[in-house]
Amino acid sequence: MRSDLVIVPVELEGQKLLMFQDPSQWCEEIVFMPIELAPVLQFFDGAHGVREIQEQLMRLTGQLIMSEDIERLIKQMDSRYLLDSENFRAYVNQIKSGWENAEIRPEILAGRSYPIDPAQCSKFLDEFYLGENGPGFPEKNLNNQLKAIIAPHIELRGNGSVYAYAYKKLFEESQAELFLVLGIAHFGAEDILVFSEKHFQTPLGIAETDREFIQGVHRRLKKKGKIRDFSHRREHSIELQALFLTHIFKERRKFKIVPILVGSFQELIEKGISPAEDPLIMDYVNAIKEEIKESGKKTAVIASADLAHLGPRYGDKETYAPIREEEIKEDDRKMLQWLEKVDPEGFIQEVAKIKDRRKICGLAPIYLAFKIAEPTKAEILKWSVWYDQSSRSAVSFCAMAVY
């Protein structure tokens, strides 16, 4: 079995199950299996044949499991790319080759998180602004004071109005023609910052990437290396921002994006080191700021960032339900107050005090957005939390305007 899989015990409709999560997203579905199969799975390590697995299980459980049943389970798992097999490796090589030759990054959430039909998608997004919890649709641009926004990357259904609060401000108070979109690399990245020159497809059109800007940043870097961007393929955090940009500016303003995935700051956090002390991170920050100045383009930064990830789904023993919402909100408030004071170092230190125990998903994009934009003011526009009832877990998120 693949060593990078995450297997979580869950209870669904009274049945105890094993939930398989694939951080690399080679398996494009969440797979559930009866928890009774746990003894079998431990022998799917490439070192045991079917007969050996039978013998081991007989010793362990006292039960004879038919070889046909074991072989059927192996085939089912291999068809979903859950096993480290020849089939899996051939699939990976095929996908990587196709990605390298592609000019456009296709939308991966269309048809699942949002409609793939353009008219339905537009109506779907409109409702986030115009619905009961929405901020109203922006009508005109008022000024160019806004330097950045923080917007979530949580599932859209039920949460989209929080995005709308951020994008309403972006439309009304920014005249940017170039948007630096900082997403989180949930599944690992080739470098601490990973740019992609691929354009982003959405149901509402293509969000074109500013390749000249990206190449300019790379020329300014002290550390030169081959640009690899495979981590962008399945990562949704930039895709959702490209969708909102295309929706709100379609036929209103021409724009381009700079898609940047940011790796984890966890090692720095655990050592108590500020990212500002990391030469590689600051090399990227300085190169981006210099390229913004040199290009002369009106630019805004978008941090695609959720906040706390709490509960068994995210490795905690504690469970979280709506009854704990005020507690979650207060903990977020203590952290976000540093951003309202435009103090990204204080923000980092607040998270580091508890070794990022609350697992702030957007830590790195938020920090870098403030370092690049160099704001003088910031305000929280909307805060919310999503609950996963099956695992009694929660994710908090917010919209923020940065000036």
Protein backbone atom coordinates (compact mmCIF):
# COMPACT_ATOMS: atom_id res chain seq x y z
CA MET A 1 0.00 0.00 0.00
CA ARG A 2 1.20 3.53 -0.69
CA SER A 3 2.99 5.05 2.30
CA ASP A 4 1.63 8.58 1.70
CA LEU A 5 -2.03 7.68 2.18
CA VAL A 6 -3.92 8.99 5.20
CA ILE A 7 -6.31 6.45 6.74
CA VAL A 8 -8.79 7.81 9.28
CA PRO A 9 -11.35 5.79 11.29
CA VAL A 10 -14.80 7.39 10.94
CA GLU A 11 -18.38 6.54 11.76
CA LEU A 12 -20.94 7.11 9.02
CA GLU A 13 -24.62 6.36 9.52
CA GLY A 14 -23.76 4.15 12.47
CA GLN A 15 -21.18 2.11 10.56
CA LYS A 16 -17.51 2.16 11.55
CA LEU A 17 -15.34 2.69 8.47
CA LEU A 18 -11.81 3.44 7.34
CA MET A 19 -11.60 6.62 5.24
CA PHE A 20 -8.73 6.73 2.74
CA GLN A 21 -7.45 10.18 1.84
CA ASP A 22 -4.84 10.65 -0.88
CA PRO A 23 -2.83 13.85 -0.22
CA SER A 24 -1.34 13.65 -3.73
CA GLN A 25 -4.81 13.17 -5.22
CA TRP A 26 -3.85 10.35 -7.57
CA CYS A 27 -7.00 8.73 -6.27
CA GLU A 28 -9.65 11.30 -7.11
CA GLU A 29 -12.27 9.98 -4.72
CA ILE A 30 -12.51 9.44 -0.99
CA VAL A 31 -12.60 5.69 -0.45
CA PHE A 32 -14.37 4.08 2.49
CA MET A 33 -13.86 0.50 3.65
CA PRO A 34 -15.29 -1.50 6.57
CA ILE A 35 -13.04 -1.17 9.60
CA GLU A 36 -12.95 -4.98 9.79
CA LEU A 37 -10.51 -4.92 6.85
CA ALA A 38 -7.82 -3.18 8.92
CA PRO A 39 -6.01 -6.47 9.76
CA VAL A 40 -5.82 -7.31 6.04
CA LEU A 41 -4.43 -3.96 4.94
CA GLN A 42 -1.38 -4.13 7.19
CA PHE A 43 -0.01 -6.91 4.98
CA PHE A 44 -0.37 -4.94 1.72
CA ASP A 45 3.27 -3.92 1.91
CA GLY A 46 4.68 -5.58 -1.18
CA ALA A 47 6.44 -8.20 0.92
CA HIS A 48 3.56 -10.65 1.31
CA GLY A 49 1.87 -12.80 -1.33
CA VAL A 50 -1.80 -13.75 -1.16
CA ARG A 51 -1.05 -17.13 0.48
CA GLU A 52 1.21 -15.48 3.06
CA ILE A 53 -1.50 -12.93 3.86
CA GLN A 54 -3.95 -15.79 4.40
CA GLU A 55 -1.57 -17.50 6.81
CA GLN A 56 -0.82 -14.30 8.75
CA LEU A 57 -4.51 -13.50 9.11
CA MET A 58 -5.26 -17.03 10.28
CA ARG A 59 -2.68 -16.64 13.05
CA LEU A 60 -3.93 -13.13 13.89
CA THR A 61 -7.70 -13.63 13.79
CA GLY A 62 -8.25 -17.34 13.71
CA GLN A 63 -10.35 -16.94 10.56
CA LEU A 64 -9.70 -18.22 7.03
CA ILE A 65 -10.17 -15.48 4.42
CA MET A 66 -10.56 -16.85 0.91
CA SER A 67 -7.77 -16.00 -1.53
CA GLU A 68 -10.37 -14.80 -4.04
CA ASP A 69 -11.55 -12.18 -1.53
CA ILE A 70 -8.01 -10.95 -0.93
CA GLU A 71 -7.31 -10.78 -4.66
CA ARG A 72 -10.58 -8.90 -5.24
CA LEU A 73 -9.63 -6.32 -2.60
CA ILE A 74 -6.18 -5.91 -4.16
CA LYS A 75 -7.71 -5.29 -7.59
CA GLN A 76 -10.21 -2.79 -6.17
CA MET A 77 -7.50 -0.84 -4.39
CA ASP A 78 -5.12 -0.95 -7.36
CA SER A 79 -7.84 0.34 -9.69
CA ARG A 80 -8.08 3.40 -7.42
CA TYR A 81 -4.28 3.84 -7.35
CA LEU A 82 -4.03 3.14 -3.63
CA LEU A 83 -1.27 0.54 -4.02
CA ASP A 84 2.37 1.19 -4.91
CA SER A 85 2.20 -1.01 -8.00
CA GLU A 86 3.37 -1.04 -11.62
CA ASN A 87 -0.13 0.10 -12.60
CA PHE A 88 0.16 3.09 -10.25
CA ARG A 89 3.65 4.09 -11.43
CA ALA A 90 2.64 3.88 -15.11
CA TYR A 91 -0.36 6.10 -14.37
CA VAL A 92 1.82 8.69 -12.59
CA ASN A 93 4.31 8.82 -15.48
CA GLN A 94 1.50 9.27 -18.00
CA ILE A 95 -0.07 12.14 -16.02
CA LYS A 96 3.25 13.93 -15.49
CA SER A 97 4.10 13.74 -19.17
CA GLY A 98 0.74 15.23 -20.14
CA TRP A 99 1.13 18.04 -17.60
CA GLU A 100 4.56 19.07 -18.87
CA ASN A 101 3.18 19.53 -22.40
CA ALA A 102 0.02 21.40 -21.41
CA GLU A 103 -0.41 25.16 -21.93
CA ILE A 104 -3.55 25.42 -19.80
CA ARG A 105 -4.32 24.09 -16.35
CA PRO A 106 -7.87 22.64 -16.54
CA GLU A 107 -10.41 23.24 -13.80
CA ILE A 108 -10.55 20.20 -11.53
CA LEU A 109 -13.48 21.18 -9.29
CA ALA A 110 -15.93 22.05 -12.06
CA GLY A 111 -18.97 19.84 -11.84
CA ARG A 112 -18.26 19.09 -8.18
CA SER A 113 -17.72 22.31 -6.21
CA TYR A 114 -19.29 24.56 -8.84
CA PRO A 115 -21.26 24.08 -12.11
CA ILE A 116 -19.32 23.48 -15.30
CA ASP A 117 -22.00 25.13 -17.45
CA PRO A 118 -21.07 28.85 -17.83
CA ALA A 119 -24.59 30.24 -17.29
CA GLN A 120 -25.23 28.01 -14.29
CA CYS A 121 -21.80 28.78 -12.85
CA SER A 122 -22.33 32.53 -13.16
CA LYS A 123 -25.72 32.28 -11.46
CA PHE A 124 -24.21 30.05 -8.76
CA LEU A 125 -21.55 32.67 -7.96
CA ASP A 126 -23.99 35.60 -8.19
CA GLU A 127 -25.98 34.10 -5.34
CA PHE A 128 -23.00 34.39 -2.99
CA TYR A 129 -23.20 38.17 -3.37
CA LEU A 130 -26.98 38.56 -3.62
CA GLY A 131 -28.17 35.87 -1.18
CA GLU A 132 -29.28 36.39 2.40
CA ASN A 133 -25.73 36.19 3.81
CA GLY A 134 -24.06 38.03 0.94
CA PRO A 135 -22.60 41.56 0.84
CA GLY A 136 -24.44 42.64 -2.31
CA PHE A 137 -22.97 42.72 -5.80
CA PRO A 138 -20.32 45.42 -6.43
CA GLU A 139 -21.47 48.07 -8.89
CA LYS A 140 -18.50 50.35 -9.51
CA ASN A 141 -14.88 50.90 -8.65
CA LEU A 142 -14.41 53.67 -6.10
CA ASN A 143 -10.64 53.96 -5.61
CA ASN A 144 -7.29 52.11 -5.72
CA GLN A 145 -6.56 51.90 -2.01
CA LEU A 146 -6.73 48.13 -1.56
CA LYS A 147 -3.40 46.28 -1.68
CA ALA A 148 -4.49 42.73 -0.88
CA ILE A 149 -7.31 40.48 0.23
CA ILE A 150 -7.51 37.28 2.21
CA ALA A 151 -10.15 34.94 0.81
CA PRO A 152 -10.90 31.33 1.80
CA HIS A 153 -10.39 28.21 -0.27
CA ILE A 154 -12.96 26.17 1.66
CA GLU A 155 -15.70 24.25 -0.20
CA LEU A 156 -17.92 26.82 -1.95
CA ARG A 157 -21.35 25.38 -1.19
CA GLY A 158 -22.58 26.93 2.03
CA ASN A 159 -19.45 29.08 2.41
CA GLY A 160 -19.27 31.15 -0.78
CA SER A 161 -20.62 34.37 0.74
CA VAL A 162 -17.35 34.80 2.69
CA TYR A 163 -15.46 34.81 -0.62
CA ALA A 164 -17.93 37.41 -1.89
CA TYR A 165 -17.11 39.85 0.92
CA ALA A 166 -13.45 39.79 -0.10
CA TYR A 167 -14.10 40.10 -3.85
CA LYS A 168 -16.62 42.90 -3.47
CA LYS A 169 -13.88 44.94 -1.77
CA LEU A 170 -11.38 43.93 -4.43
CA PHE A 171 -13.66 45.14 -7.21
CA GLU A 172 -14.62 48.40 -5.49
CA GLU A 173 -11.29 49.47 -4.01
CA SER A 174 -8.61 48.13 -6.34
CA GLN A 175 -7.77 49.04 -9.93
CA ALA A 176 -5.26 46.22 -10.23
CA GLU A 177 -4.61 44.66 -13.61
CA LEU A 178 -2.31 41.99 -12.17
CA PHE A 179 -3.20 39.69 -9.28
CA LEU A 180 -0.57 37.71 -7.41
CA VAL A 181 -2.50 34.69 -6.15
CA LEU A 182 -0.79 32.97 -3.22
CA GLY A 183 -2.21 29.50 -2.66
CA ILE A 184 -1.22 26.88 -0.13
CA ALA A 185 0.47 23.72 -1.38
CA HIS A 186 -1.61 21.23 0.60
CA PHE A 187 0.14 18.22 -0.87
CA GLY A 188 3.75 19.38 -0.95
CA ALA A 189 5.65 21.52 -3.43
CA GLU A 190 8.86 21.55 -5.44
CA ASP A 191 10.11 24.66 -3.62
CA ILE A 192 8.98 27.05 -0.90
CA LEU A 193 7.33 29.13 -3.67
CA VAL A 194 6.23 27.49 -6.90
CA PHE A 195 5.12 29.64 -9.86
CA SER A 196 3.18 28.26 -12.81
CA GLU A 197 3.16 29.77 -16.29
CA LYS A 198 0.07 27.82 -17.27
CA HIS A 199 -3.16 29.73 -17.86
CA PHE A 200 -6.08 28.69 -15.62
CA GLN A 201 -9.25 27.42 -17.26
CA THR A 202 -12.61 28.22 -15.66
CA PRO A 203 -16.17 27.69 -16.92
CA LEU A 204 -16.35 31.48 -17.40
CA GLY A 205 -13.20 31.75 -19.49
CA ILE A 206 -9.44 31.58 -19.09
CA ALA A 207 -7.58 33.48 -16.38
CA GLU A 208 -4.43 34.34 -18.30
CA THR A 209 -1.08 34.09 -16.53
CA ASP A 210 1.52 36.86 -16.81
CA ARG A 211 4.45 34.76 -17.96
CA GLU A 212 6.67 37.78 -18.51
CA PHE A 213 6.26 38.81 -14.86
CA ILE A 214 7.08 35.29 -13.64
CA GLN A 215 10.18 35.09 -15.81
CA GLY A 216 11.25 38.49 -14.49
CA VAL A 217 10.97 37.26 -10.90
CA HIS A 218 13.07 34.20 -11.67
CA ARG A 219 15.77 36.33 -13.29
CA ARG A 220 16.04 38.35 -10.07
CA LEU A 221 16.38 35.33 -7.78
CA LYS A 222 19.80 34.63 -6.32
CA LYS A 223 19.03 30.90 -6.33
CA LYS A 224 18.37 29.72 -9.88
CA GLY A 225 16.81 26.38 -10.66
CA LYS A 226 14.64 24.57 -13.15
CA ILE A 227 11.04 25.67 -12.89
CA ARG A 228 8.80 22.73 -12.01
CA ASP A 229 5.14 23.28 -11.28
CA PHE A 230 3.52 19.84 -11.07
CA SER A 231 2.19 20.69 -7.60
CA HIS A 232 -0.28 23.06 -9.31
CA ARG A 233 -2.04 20.22 -11.13
CA ARG A 234 -4.48 19.11 -8.42
CA GLU A 235 -4.20 22.02 -5.99
CA HIS A 236 -7.54 23.84 -5.66
CA SER A 237 -6.52 26.91 -3.65
CA ILE A 238 -5.61 29.01 -6.71
CA GLU A 239 -8.30 27.56 -8.96
CA LEU A 240 -11.07 28.97 -6.76
CA GLN A 241 -9.56 32.46 -6.78
CA ALA A 242 -9.17 32.33 -10.57
CA LEU A 243 -12.87 31.45 -10.77
CA PHE A 244 -13.94 34.42 -8.64
CA LEU A 245 -11.66 36.81 -10.54
CA THR A 246 -13.02 35.67 -13.90
CA HIS A 247 -16.59 35.98 -12.64
CA ILE A 248 -16.33 39.45 -11.14
CA PHE A 249 -14.17 41.05 -13.85
CA LYS A 250 -15.55 39.33 -16.94
CA GLU A 251 -16.28 42.00 -19.58
CA ARG A 252 -15.46 44.67 -16.96
CA ARG A 253 -11.68 44.65 -16.68
CA LYS A 254 -8.78 42.90 -18.38
CA PHE A 255 -6.46 41.22 -15.92
CA LYS A 256 -3.74 38.63 -15.56
CA ILE A 257 -2.71 36.41 -12.68
CA VAL A 258 0.55 35.16 -11.20
CA PRO A 259 -0.23 31.73 -9.67
CA ILE A 260 2.09 30.96 -6.73
CA LEU A 261 1.85 27.94 -4.46
CA VAL A 262 3.53 28.33 -1.08
CA GLY A 263 5.07 25.46 0.83
CA SER A 264 4.84 24.84 4.56
CA PHE A 265 6.42 27.06 7.23
CA GLN A 266 6.01 24.24 9.79
CA GLU A 267 9.72 23.57 10.25
CA LEU A 268 10.39 27.25 10.89
CA ILE A 269 7.47 27.46 13.31
CA GLU A 270 8.70 24.48 15.32
CA LYS A 271 12.18 26.01 15.57
CA GLY A 272 10.79 29.42 16.53
CA ILE A 273 12.33 31.08 13.48
CA SER A 274 10.59 33.88 11.59
CA PRO A 275 10.27 33.40 7.81
CA ALA A 276 11.92 36.84 7.56
CA GLU A 277 15.13 35.14 8.75
CA ASP A 278 15.02 32.55 5.97
CA PRO A 279 17.24 33.68 3.05
CA LEU A 280 15.33 31.65 0.45
CA ILE A 281 11.92 33.04 1.43
CA MET A 282 13.18 36.61 1.51
CA ASP A 283 14.94 36.11 -1.83
CA TYR A 284 11.52 35.37 -3.34
CA VAL A 285 9.81 38.26 -1.50
CA ASN A 286 12.43 40.77 -2.62
CA ALA A 287 12.41 39.51 -6.22
CA ILE A 288 8.60 39.81 -6.38
CA LYS A 289 8.60 43.32 -4.91
CA GLU A 290 11.34 44.44 -7.31
CA GLU A 291 9.47 43.01 -10.30
CA ILE A 292 6.23 44.74 -9.23
CA LYS A 293 8.08 48.06 -9.06
CA GLU A 294 9.89 47.53 -12.35
CA SER A 295 6.78 46.40 -14.24
CA GLY A 296 4.82 49.52 -13.27
CA LYS A 297 1.62 47.47 -13.27
CA LYS A 298 -1.20 48.09 -10.83
CA THR A 299 -0.98 45.00 -8.66
CA ALA A 300 -2.93 43.41 -5.82
CA VAL A 301 -2.18 40.28 -3.80
CA ILE A 302 -4.71 37.53 -3.04
CA ALA A 303 -3.96 35.18 -0.15
CA SER A 304 -6.00 32.01 -0.64
CA ALA A 305 -6.16 30.96 2.98
CA ASP A 306 -8.29 29.04 5.44
CA LEU A 307 -7.56 29.25 9.16
CA ALA A 308 -7.80 26.58 11.88
CA HIS A 309 -8.27 22.88 11.12
CA LEU A 310 -9.61 21.13 14.20
CA GLY A 311 -10.83 17.66 15.12
CA PRO A 312 -10.19 13.97 14.33
CA ARG A 313 -10.22 14.55 10.57
CA TYR A 314 -7.07 16.65 11.06
CA GLY A 315 -5.34 14.44 13.60
CA ASP A 316 -6.82 15.76 16.87
CA LYS A 317 -8.32 13.65 19.62
CA GLU A 318 -10.74 16.44 20.56
CA THR A 319 -13.99 16.82 18.65
CA TYR A 320 -15.60 20.06 17.48
CA ALA A 321 -19.24 20.95 16.95
CA PRO A 322 -21.23 24.24 16.69
CA ILE A 323 -21.43 24.40 20.49
CA ARG A 324 -17.71 25.29 20.48
CA GLU A 325 -17.99 28.05 17.86
CA GLU A 326 -17.37 30.96 20.24
CA GLU A 327 -14.21 29.24 21.47
CA ILE A 328 -12.96 28.78 17.89
CA LYS A 329 -13.79 32.40 17.07
CA GLU A 330 -11.98 33.74 20.14
CA ASP A 331 -8.84 31.75 19.35
CA ASP A 332 -8.91 33.08 15.79
CA ARG A 333 -9.45 36.62 17.08
CA LYS A 334 -6.27 36.46 19.18
CA MET A 335 -4.35 35.45 16.08
CA LEU A 336 -6.00 37.79 13.57
CA GLN A 337 -5.63 40.88 15.75
CA TRP A 338 -1.96 40.94 14.74
CA LEU A 339 -2.98 41.22 11.10
CA GLU A 340 -5.38 44.04 11.97
CA LYS A 341 -2.33 45.76 13.49
CA VAL A 342 -0.49 44.97 10.19
CA ASP A 343 2.09 43.00 12.14
CA PRO A 344 2.80 39.76 10.24
CA GLU A 345 5.64 38.92 12.64
CA GLY A 346 3.23 39.09 15.58
CA PHE A 347 0.87 36.85 13.60
CA ILE A 348 3.61 34.27 13.11
CA GLN A 349 4.66 34.45 16.77
CA GLU A 350 1.07 33.95 17.93
CA VAL A 351 0.87 30.75 15.89
CA ALA A 352 4.35 29.64 16.96
CA LYS A 353 3.48 29.97 20.67
CA ILE A 354 1.46 26.77 20.40
CA LYS A 355 3.60 25.21 17.63
CA ASP A 356 0.73 25.72 15.16
CA ARG A 357 -1.35 23.20 17.09
CA ARG A 358 -4.51 24.61 15.47
CA LYS A 359 -3.06 23.91 12.00
CA ILE A 360 -3.51 27.30 10.31
CA CYS A 361 -3.77 26.25 6.69
CA GLY A 362 -3.23 29.71 5.21
CA LEU A 363 -0.33 30.73 7.46
CA ALA A 364 2.30 31.03 4.72
CA PRO A 365 0.16 32.79 2.05
CA ILE A 366 -1.18 35.28 4.59
CA TYR A 367 2.27 36.11 5.93
CA LEU A 368 3.75 36.54 2.44
CA ALA A 369 0.81 38.69 1.29
CA PHE A 370 1.55 41.14 4.10
CA LYS A 371 5.32 41.11 3.44
CA ILE A 372 4.80 41.77 -0.29
CA ALA A 373 1.98 44.34 0.01
CA GLU A 374 3.49 46.24 2.98
CA PRO A 375 0.08 47.54 4.15
CA THR A 376 -0.77 50.20 6.71
CA LYS A 377 -4.28 48.97 7.56
CA ALA A 378 -6.31 45.76 7.51
CA GLU A 379 -9.83 44.81 8.51
CA ILE A 380 -11.78 41.58 8.91
CA LEU A 381 -14.84 41.63 6.67
CA LYS A 382 -16.42 38.28 7.55
CA TRP A 383 -15.57 35.24 9.66
CA SER A 384 -17.14 31.79 9.58
CA VAL A 385 -16.61 28.12 10.36
CA TRP A 386 -17.50 24.88 8.56
CA TYR A 387 -18.29 21.63 10.39
CA ASP A 388 -17.74 18.07 9.20
CA GLN A 389 -20.41 16.20 11.11
CA SER A 390 -19.13 12.73 10.18
CA SER A 391 -15.76 13.25 11.92
CA ARG A 392 -16.88 16.05 14.29
CA SER A 393 -14.21 18.37 12.92
CA ALA A 394 -14.16 22.05 11.96
CA VAL A 395 -12.40 24.55 9.68
CA SER A 396 -12.51 28.31 10.29
CA PHE A 397 -11.92 30.97 7.61
CA CYS A 398 -12.41 34.66 6.95
CA ALA A 399 -12.39 37.47 4.40
CA MET A 400 -10.04 40.37 5.03
CA ALA A 401 -9.26 43.64 3.24
CA VAL A 402 -5.66 44.88 3.37
CA TYR A 403 -4.76 48.51 2.56
